[in-house]
Amino acid sequence: MKLKDKVAVVTGGARGIGRAIVERYVAEGAIVAIADVLTADAEALAAMLGDRAFAVHLDVTSTASIEAMVAAVTDRAGGIDILVNNAAIFDMGPLLDVTEKSWDSQFAVNTKGLFFTLQAVARQMVAQGRGGKIVNFASQAGRRGEALVAVYCASKAAVISITQSAGLALIQHGINVNGIAPGVVDTPMWDHVDSLFARYENRPLGEKKRLVGEAVPFGRMGLPEDHAGAAVFLASSDADYVVAQTLNVDGGNWMS
């Protein structure tokens, strides 16, 4: 029960890695707000988990929606102790074909949305005066460039940088900001990624996913549940002296 009675917000919490973290946080004793644009999915998950989880609508591309989420969680649960900034989208394509729409949509969710969610929750944490923990989800794509994934890589590199800056800025308030960089993770999002690689690399569906899984030193793609332990650690008192770090949880793909 490392998170007993802590109030946590998990963005993009209805599916994938976010869902795995929601389930683990509830098991660790937290009260969890499942903050997602997929309201019906969030409500279904909350109903399954019982009275220690509840759904709240969140569109991270809207600062009004972010502010409304913070107010709703605070009104219902009495404050916010933990934020997991997990909501993200993916697109890819040849660099010469990247559109302004693709750039804007990825940065709107992955970077701008993450930053302003962090800011709004941090303001609430400062006002509460009891510190807090913020966990930003980056990616191994933020550690390096990839020919077909320039915009996504850039958006996730920015998350690592934001984590460093916010970590230094907020630790004076007792707020630890750290990050997690997953590698390749077997979620519905990666099925979408695989379909894009099939288009741009002229591969059969499923081949890219199989190849990247085989290339992981651990021997397989990650699962959403593989990231829950790190998310618990960074949200718990065990990580009180961990500041502005991004932890690779990728089966050995990247060492830094």
Protein backbone atom coordinates (compact mmCIF):
# COMPACT_ATOMS: atom_id res chain seq x y z
CA MET A 1 0.00 0.00 0.00
CA LYS A 2 2.69 2.46 -1.04
CA LEU A 3 0.11 5.06 -2.15
CA LYS A 4 -2.44 4.65 0.65
CA ASP A 5 -5.08 7.40 0.50
CA LYS A 6 -3.10 9.50 -2.00
CA VAL A 7 -5.20 11.18 -4.69
CA ALA A 8 -3.83 10.47 -8.16
CA VAL A 9 -4.76 11.74 -11.62
CA VAL A 10 -3.80 9.53 -14.58
CA THR A 11 -4.27 11.18 -17.97
CA GLY A 12 -5.09 8.81 -20.81
CA GLY A 13 -5.99 6.40 -18.04
CA ALA A 14 -8.75 4.49 -19.82
CA ARG A 15 -6.51 2.32 -22.00
CA GLY A 16 -3.02 0.90 -22.44
CA ILE A 17 -0.26 1.92 -20.06
CA GLY A 18 -2.54 4.44 -18.37
CA ARG A 19 -5.08 1.75 -17.52
CA ALA A 20 -2.40 -0.54 -16.10
CA ILE A 21 -1.20 2.29 -13.86
CA VAL A 22 -4.75 3.12 -12.72
CA GLU A 23 -5.32 -0.51 -11.73
CA ARG A 24 -2.00 -0.73 -9.88
CA TYR A 25 -2.50 2.59 -8.08
CA VAL A 26 -5.87 1.44 -6.79
CA ALA A 27 -4.24 -1.79 -5.58
CA GLU A 28 -1.62 0.34 -3.81
CA GLY A 29 -4.33 2.22 -1.90
CA ALA A 30 -4.68 5.39 -3.98
CA ILE A 31 -7.88 7.18 -4.96
CA VAL A 32 -7.55 7.53 -8.73
CA ALA A 33 -9.12 9.95 -11.17
CA ILE A 34 -9.16 8.37 -14.63
CA ALA A 35 -8.78 11.49 -16.77
CA ASP A 36 -9.44 10.79 -20.43
CA VAL A 37 -11.15 12.14 -23.52
CA LEU A 38 -12.61 8.61 -23.86
CA THR A 39 -15.18 9.26 -21.16
CA ALA A 40 -17.23 6.07 -21.64
CA ASP A 41 -14.12 3.87 -21.40
CA ALA A 42 -12.97 5.75 -18.30
CA GLU A 43 -16.37 5.35 -16.66
CA ALA A 44 -16.42 1.62 -17.43
CA LEU A 45 -12.99 1.15 -15.87
CA ALA A 46 -13.99 3.16 -12.80
CA ALA A 47 -17.12 1.04 -12.37
CA MET A 48 -15.02 -2.10 -12.51
CA LEU A 49 -12.54 -0.84 -9.91
CA GLY A 50 -15.08 0.36 -7.36
CA ASP A 51 -15.27 3.42 -5.15
CA ARG A 52 -11.52 4.18 -5.18
CA ALA A 53 -11.61 5.20 -8.85
CA PHE A 54 -13.71 7.70 -10.75
CA ALA A 55 -13.79 9.07 -14.28
CA VAL A 56 -13.31 12.70 -15.23
CA HIS A 57 -13.40 14.08 -18.76
CA LEU A 58 -10.13 15.57 -19.96
CA ASP A 59 -9.07 16.94 -23.33
CA VAL A 60 -5.43 17.96 -22.82
CA THR A 61 -5.53 20.17 -25.91
CA SER A 62 -7.92 22.51 -24.07
CA THR A 63 -6.67 24.54 -21.13
CA ALA A 64 -10.28 25.05 -20.08
CA SER A 65 -10.73 21.27 -19.93
CA ILE A 66 -7.51 20.92 -17.93
CA GLU A 67 -8.63 23.54 -15.40
CA ALA A 68 -12.06 21.92 -15.15
CA MET A 69 -10.46 18.54 -14.50
CA VAL A 70 -8.29 19.91 -11.68
CA ALA A 71 -11.29 21.60 -10.10
CA ALA A 72 -13.46 18.48 -10.41
CA VAL A 73 -10.85 16.19 -8.85
CA THR A 74 -10.12 18.66 -6.06
CA ASP A 75 -13.81 19.11 -5.28
CA ARG A 76 -14.44 15.38 -5.19
CA ALA A 77 -11.27 14.08 -3.53
CA GLY A 78 -9.97 17.06 -1.56
CA GLY A 79 -6.82 17.72 -3.58
CA ILE A 80 -4.26 16.08 -5.84
CA ASP A 81 -1.11 14.31 -4.63
CA ILE A 82 0.03 12.53 -7.81
CA LEU A 83 -0.17 13.29 -11.52
CA VAL A 84 0.71 10.77 -14.22
CA ASN A 85 0.96 12.65 -17.52
CA ASN A 86 0.36 9.72 -19.86
CA ALA A 87 -1.98 10.97 -22.63
CA ALA A 88 -0.29 10.91 -26.05
CA ILE A 89 -0.85 10.35 -29.76
CA PHE A 90 1.37 9.09 -32.58
CA ASP A 91 1.85 9.79 -36.25
CA MET A 92 4.69 9.21 -38.69
CA GLY A 93 5.72 9.63 -42.28
CA PRO A 94 8.63 10.60 -44.52
CA LEU A 95 10.20 13.87 -43.41
CA LEU A 96 9.54 15.54 -46.75
CA ASP A 97 5.84 14.73 -46.42
CA VAL A 98 5.24 15.85 -42.81
CA THR A 99 2.25 18.18 -42.65
CA GLU A 100 1.62 21.12 -40.37
CA LYS A 101 -1.53 19.34 -39.17
CA SER A 102 0.46 16.29 -38.08
CA TRP A 103 3.04 18.47 -36.32
CA ASP A 104 0.43 20.56 -34.55
CA SER A 105 -1.70 17.63 -33.39
CA GLN A 106 1.22 15.68 -31.92
CA PHE A 107 2.71 18.68 -30.14
CA ALA A 108 -0.75 19.77 -28.95
CA VAL A 109 -1.23 16.50 -27.05
CA ASN A 110 2.25 15.14 -26.34
CA THR A 111 3.99 18.37 -25.36
CA LYS A 112 1.70 21.37 -24.91
CA GLY A 113 -1.05 19.32 -23.29
CA LEU A 114 1.42 17.59 -20.99
CA PHE A 115 3.02 20.90 -19.97
CA PHE A 116 -0.19 22.74 -19.17
CA THR A 117 -1.63 19.74 -17.32
CA LEU A 118 1.56 19.66 -15.26
CA GLN A 119 1.32 23.40 -14.65
CA ALA A 120 -2.33 23.32 -13.55
CA VAL A 121 -1.81 20.38 -11.21
CA ALA A 122 1.42 21.85 -9.83
CA ARG A 123 -0.40 25.09 -9.00
CA GLN A 124 -2.95 23.05 -7.05
CA MET A 125 -0.20 21.12 -5.27
CA VAL A 126 1.59 24.34 -4.30
CA ALA A 127 -1.66 25.79 -2.96
CA GLN A 128 -2.23 22.65 -0.90
CA GLY A 129 1.22 22.94 0.64
CA ARG A 130 1.80 19.20 1.02
CA GLY A 131 4.09 18.52 -1.92
CA GLY A 132 3.36 15.93 -4.55
CA LYS A 133 4.66 13.66 -7.28
CA ILE A 134 4.43 14.20 -11.06
CA VAL A 135 5.35 11.45 -13.52
CA ASN A 136 5.63 12.42 -17.20
CA PHE A 137 5.57 9.78 -19.91
CA ALA A 138 8.26 10.29 -22.52
CA SER A 139 9.51 7.52 -24.84
CA GLN A 140 12.70 5.93 -26.09
CA ALA A 141 11.80 7.94 -29.21
CA GLY A 142 12.69 11.03 -27.19
CA ARG A 143 16.23 9.73 -26.75
CA ARG A 144 17.04 9.58 -30.47
CA GLY A 145 15.83 10.58 -33.89
CA GLU A 146 14.14 8.19 -36.31
CA ALA A 147 13.86 8.86 -40.04
CA LEU A 148 10.11 8.29 -40.28
CA VAL A 149 9.20 9.56 -36.81
CA ALA A 150 10.71 13.05 -36.67
CA VAL A 151 7.77 14.85 -35.09
CA TYR A 152 6.88 12.24 -32.47
CA CYS A 153 10.55 11.93 -31.49
CA ALA A 154 10.80 15.70 -31.13
CA SER A 155 7.63 15.88 -29.04
CA LYS A 156 8.93 13.22 -26.65
CA ALA A 157 12.41 14.76 -26.46
CA ALA A 158 10.62 17.91 -25.34
CA VAL A 159 8.91 15.89 -22.58
CA ILE A 160 12.30 14.83 -21.24
CA SER A 161 13.45 18.45 -21.26
CA ILE A 162 10.26 19.67 -19.60
CA THR A 163 10.70 17.01 -16.92
CA GLN A 164 14.19 18.30 -16.17
CA SER A 165 13.13 21.95 -16.02
CA ALA A 166 9.96 21.31 -14.01
CA GLY A 167 11.84 19.03 -11.66
CA LEU A 168 14.30 21.81 -10.83
CA ALA A 169 11.57 24.44 -10.57
CA LEU A 170 9.16 22.52 -8.34
CA ILE A 171 11.32 20.58 -5.89
CA GLN A 172 11.47 23.73 -3.73
CA HIS A 173 7.75 23.13 -3.15
CA GLY A 174 8.27 19.47 -2.28
CA ILE A 175 7.01 18.38 -5.70
CA ASN A 176 9.11 15.70 -7.39
CA VAL A 177 8.87 15.70 -11.18
CA ASN A 178 10.29 12.68 -12.96
CA GLY A 179 9.59 10.73 -16.13
CA ILE A 180 9.35 7.27 -17.63
CA ALA A 181 10.57 6.45 -21.14
CA PRO A 182 8.92 3.26 -22.43
CA GLY A 183 10.33 1.37 -25.36
CA VAL A 184 8.07 -0.60 -27.68
CA VAL A 185 4.87 -1.55 -25.86
CA ASP A 186 2.19 -3.98 -27.02
CA THR A 187 -0.89 -1.75 -26.94
CA PRO A 188 -3.56 -0.84 -29.52
CA MET A 189 -1.43 2.22 -30.28
CA TRP A 190 1.39 -0.04 -31.51
CA ASP A 191 -1.01 -1.82 -33.85
CA HIS A 192 -1.57 1.61 -35.40
CA VAL A 193 2.20 2.18 -35.50
CA ASP A 194 2.68 -1.19 -37.21
CA SER A 195 0.12 -0.29 -39.87
CA LEU A 196 2.00 2.93 -40.62
CA PHE A 197 5.32 1.10 -40.93
CA ALA A 198 3.61 -1.38 -43.24
CA ARG A 199 2.62 1.53 -45.47
CA TYR A 200 5.90 3.43 -45.47
CA GLU A 201 8.34 0.48 -45.42
CA ASN A 202 6.24 -1.76 -47.71
CA ARG A 203 5.95 -4.52 -45.08
CA PRO A 204 3.19 -7.04 -44.34
CA LEU A 205 0.98 -6.11 -41.41
CA GLY A 206 2.47 -7.42 -38.18
CA GLU A 207 6.03 -7.78 -39.45
CA LYS A 208 7.41 -4.56 -37.95
CA LYS A 209 5.82 -5.31 -34.61
CA ARG A 210 7.35 -8.79 -34.61
CA LEU A 211 10.79 -7.50 -35.57
CA VAL A 212 10.95 -4.75 -32.95
CA GLY A 213 9.81 -7.22 -30.30
CA GLU A 214 12.53 -9.69 -31.26
CA ALA A 215 15.14 -6.89 -31.15
CA VAL A 216 14.43 -5.99 -27.51
CA PRO A 217 17.26 -7.39 -25.33
CA PHE A 218 14.68 -8.70 -22.84
CA GLY A 219 13.26 -10.81 -25.65
CA ARG A 220 9.81 -9.32 -26.18
CA MET A 221 7.84 -6.10 -26.47
CA GLY A 222 6.86 -4.43 -23.24
CA LEU A 223 3.40 -4.85 -21.76
CA PRO A 224 1.42 -2.03 -20.13
CA GLU A 225 1.83 -3.77 -16.76
CA ASP A 226 5.63 -3.62 -17.09
CA HIS A 227 5.46 0.13 -16.45
CA ALA A 228 3.22 0.15 -13.41
CA GLY A 229 5.96 -0.65 -10.90
CA ALA A 230 8.10 2.28 -12.02
CA ALA A 231 5.05 4.55 -11.88
CA VAL A 232 4.36 3.42 -8.30
CA PHE A 233 8.00 3.96 -7.29
CA LEU A 234 8.18 7.48 -8.71
CA ALA A 235 4.86 8.40 -7.04
CA SER A 236 5.83 7.02 -3.64
CA SER A 237 7.99 8.23 -0.76
CA ASP A 238 10.69 5.81 -1.99
CA ALA A 239 11.44 8.39 -4.72
CA ASP A 240 11.61 11.47 -2.47
CA TYR A 241 15.26 12.08 -3.43
CA VAL A 242 14.75 11.41 -7.15
CA VAL A 243 14.43 14.71 -9.03
CA ALA A 244 14.19 15.57 -12.75
CA GLN A 245 15.09 12.07 -13.99
CA THR A 246 13.59 10.07 -16.86
CA LEU A 247 13.73 6.33 -16.18
CA ASN A 248 14.04 3.98 -19.15
CA VAL A 249 11.58 1.08 -18.88
CA ASP A 250 12.26 -0.58 -22.20
CA GLY A 251 13.71 -4.07 -21.73
CA GLY A 252 17.26 -2.83 -22.34
CA ASN A 253 16.73 -0.97 -25.61
CA TRP A 254 18.40 2.23 -24.44
CA MET A 255 21.06 2.91 -21.81
CA SER A 256 21.54 6.38 -20.38
